Amino acid sequence: MRPIGVGTVDFKLIKSQNAFLVDKSLLIDDILSSVTEVFLFPRPRRFGKSLNISMLKYFFEKNEKSNAFLFEDLKVAEHPHLMAHQGQYPVI
């Protein structure tokens, strides 16, 4: 039985545990296609704000080892123009 990662906010940890995950990876498309400089994520408690920020970190973060394997089974992987940005930027 697959675990439910209640309270877990680390995207990589959830993917490594094969826990249930609602695919919100197309948020990356919304961010890349936007012309705004600042993003505000006003959502109620427990709506996945920290998890989404963690997902963005692992997507954009430039590392020695690619994190692309984390996104293979998500919707964002179906869009090559989005995957071209994977692992290309320094993240603070």
C-alpha atoms as a PDB file:
ATOM      1  CA  MET A   1       0.000   0.000   0.000  1.00  0.00           C
ATOM      2  CA  ARG A   2       1.343   3.434  -0.944  1.00  0.00           C
ATOM      3  CA  PRO A   3       1.906   5.829   1.938  1.00  0.00           C
ATOM      4  CA  ILE A   4       0.166   9.161   2.261  1.00  0.00           C
ATOM      5  CA  GLY A   5       2.741  11.865   2.963  1.00  0.00           C
ATOM      6  CA  VAL A   6       0.640  13.947   5.336  1.00  0.00           C
ATOM      7  CA  GLY A   7       2.721  16.831   6.638  1.00  0.00           C
ATOM      8  CA  THR A   8       5.695  16.056   4.386  1.00  0.00           C
ATOM      9  CA  VAL A   9       6.817  19.151   2.502  1.00  0.00           C
ATOM     10  CA  ASP A  10       9.922  17.786   0.746  1.00  0.00           C
ATOM     11  CA  PHE A  11       9.067  16.930  -2.859  1.00  0.00           C
ATOM     12  CA  LYS A  12      12.063  14.625  -3.316  1.00  0.00           C
ATOM     13  CA  LEU A  13      11.227  12.698  -0.147  1.00  0.00           C
ATOM     14  CA  ILE A  14       7.619  12.158  -1.254  1.00  0.00           C
ATOM     15  CA  LYS A  15       8.780  10.945  -4.677  1.00  0.00           C
ATOM     16  CA  SER A  16      11.414   8.637  -3.156  1.00  0.00           C
ATOM     17  CA  GLN A  17       8.811   7.090  -0.845  1.00  0.00           C
ATOM     18  CA  ASN A  18       6.415   6.609  -3.773  1.00  0.00           C
ATOM     19  CA  ALA A  19       3.748   8.341  -1.681  1.00  0.00           C
ATOM     20  CA  PHE A  20       0.514   9.654  -3.126  1.00  0.00           C
ATOM     21  CA  LEU A  21       1.033  13.021  -4.788  1.00  0.00           C
ATOM     22  CA  VAL A  22      -1.410  15.334  -6.531  1.00  0.00           C
ATOM     23  CA  ASP A  23       0.315  16.420  -9.744  1.00  0.00           C
ATOM     24  CA  LYS A  24       0.569  20.207  -9.629  1.00  0.00           C
ATOM     25  CA  SER A  25       3.636  20.299 -11.862  1.00  0.00           C
ATOM     26  CA  LEU A  26       1.951  22.473 -14.495  1.00  0.00           C
ATOM     27  CA  LEU A  27       2.380  25.295 -11.992  1.00  0.00           C
ATOM     28  CA  ILE A  28       5.834  25.470 -13.589  1.00  0.00           C
ATOM     29  CA  ASP A  29       4.204  26.397 -16.911  1.00  0.00           C
ATOM     30  CA  ASP A  30       2.169  29.108 -15.202  1.00  0.00           C
ATOM     31  CA  ILE A  31       5.322  30.561 -13.683  1.00  0.00           C
ATOM     32  CA  LEU A  32       7.411  30.398 -16.859  1.00  0.00           C
ATOM     33  CA  SER A  33       4.690  31.900 -19.041  1.00  0.00           C
ATOM     34  CA  SER A  34       3.970  34.752 -16.636  1.00  0.00           C
ATOM     35  CA  VAL A  35       5.480  38.204 -17.109  1.00  0.00           C
ATOM     36  CA  THR A  36       5.336  39.090 -13.424  1.00  0.00           C
ATOM     37  CA  GLU A  37       8.487  39.445 -11.346  1.00  0.00           C
ATOM     38  CA  VAL A  38       7.043  38.397  -7.992  1.00  0.00           C
ATOM     39  CA  PHE A  39       4.729  35.517  -7.145  1.00  0.00           C
ATOM     40  CA  LEU A  40       2.386  35.336  -4.189  1.00  0.00           C
ATOM     41  CA  PHE A  41       0.801  32.014  -3.245  1.00  0.00           C
ATOM     42  CA  PRO A  42      -2.238  32.915  -1.116  1.00  0.00           C
ATOM     43  CA  ARG A  43      -3.775  29.609  -0.163  1.00  0.00           C
ATOM     44  CA  PRO A  44      -5.366  28.367   3.060  1.00  0.00           C
ATOM     45  CA  ARG A  45      -3.521  26.079   5.424  1.00  0.00           C
ATOM     46  CA  ARG A  46      -2.746  22.557   4.189  1.00  0.00           C
ATOM     47  CA  PHE A  47      -3.134  23.416   0.477  1.00  0.00           C
ATOM     48  CA  GLY A  48       0.440  22.433  -0.440  1.00  0.00           C
ATOM     49  CA  LYS A  49       2.208  25.802  -0.580  1.00  0.00           C
ATOM     50  CA  SER A  50       5.461  24.509   0.929  1.00  0.00           C
ATOM     51  CA  LEU A  51       5.345  21.340  -1.151  1.00  0.00           C
ATOM     52  CA  ASN A  52       4.861  23.378  -4.346  1.00  0.00           C
ATOM     53  CA  ILE A  53       7.807  25.603  -3.441  1.00  0.00           C
ATOM     54  CA  SER A  54       9.879  22.469  -2.824  1.00  0.00           C
ATOM     55  CA  MET A  55       8.819  21.099  -6.231  1.00  0.00           C
ATOM     56  CA  LEU A  56       9.882  24.362  -7.893  1.00  0.00           C
ATOM     57  CA  LYS A  57      13.225  24.207  -6.120  1.00  0.00           C
ATOM     58  CA  TYR A  58      13.951  20.687  -7.354  1.00  0.00           C
ATOM     59  CA  PHE A  59      12.818  21.581 -10.858  1.00  0.00           C
ATOM     60  CA  PHE A  60      14.849  24.753 -11.371  1.00  0.00           C
ATOM     61  CA  GLU A  61      17.848  24.035  -9.117  1.00  0.00           C
ATOM     62  CA  LYS A  62      21.177  23.676 -10.885  1.00  0.00           C
ATOM     63  CA  ASN A  63      23.006  20.676  -9.380  1.00  0.00           C
ATOM     64  CA  GLU A  64      25.826  18.352 -10.303  1.00  0.00           C
ATOM     65  CA  LYS A  65      23.260  15.544 -10.471  1.00  0.00           C
ATOM     66  CA  SER A  66      20.049  16.173 -12.402  1.00  0.00           C
ATOM     67  CA  ASN A  67      16.706  15.973 -10.640  1.00  0.00           C
ATOM     68  CA  ALA A  68      14.852  15.286 -13.906  1.00  0.00           C
ATOM     69  CA  PHE A  69      14.022  11.752 -12.734  1.00  0.00           C
ATOM     70  CA  LEU A  70      11.666  13.260 -10.146  1.00  0.00           C
ATOM     71  CA  PHE A  71       9.454  14.668 -12.910  1.00  0.00           C
ATOM     72  CA  GLU A  72       9.384  11.719 -15.341  1.00  0.00           C
ATOM     73  CA  ASP A  73       5.851  10.608 -14.466  1.00  0.00           C
ATOM     74  CA  LEU A  74       4.363  14.096 -14.038  1.00  0.00           C
ATOM     75  CA  LYS A  75       2.518  16.292 -16.543  1.00  0.00           C
ATOM     76  CA  VAL A  76       5.421  18.713 -16.885  1.00  0.00           C
ATOM     77  CA  ALA A  77       7.535  15.941 -18.481  1.00  0.00           C
ATOM     78  CA  GLU A  78       5.113  15.868 -21.430  1.00  0.00           C
ATOM     79  CA  HIS A  79       6.216  19.391 -22.385  1.00  0.00           C
ATOM     80  CA  PRO A  80       9.777  19.547 -23.783  1.00  0.00           C
ATOM     81  CA  HIS A  81       9.785  23.364 -23.800  1.00  0.00           C
ATOM     82  CA  LEU A  82       9.276  23.270 -20.027  1.00  0.00           C
ATOM     83  CA  MET A  83      11.770  20.470 -19.378  1.00  0.00           C
ATOM     84  CA  ALA A  84      14.401  22.556 -21.175  1.00  0.00           C
ATOM     85  CA  HIS A  85      14.411  24.756 -18.050  1.00  0.00           C
ATOM     86  CA  GLN A  86      14.925  21.839 -15.654  1.00  0.00           C
ATOM     87  CA  GLY A  87      18.154  22.188 -13.679  1.00  0.00           C
ATOM     88  CA  GLN A  88      19.212  25.429 -15.337  1.00  0.00           C
ATOM     89  CA  TYR A  89      19.087  28.060 -12.595  1.00  0.00           C
ATOM     90  CA  PRO A  90      20.649  28.754  -9.208  1.00  0.00           C
ATOM     91  CA  VAL A  91      18.029  28.573  -6.456  1.00  0.00           C
ATOM     92  CA  ILE A  92      18.264  30.277  -3.087  1.00  0.00           C
END
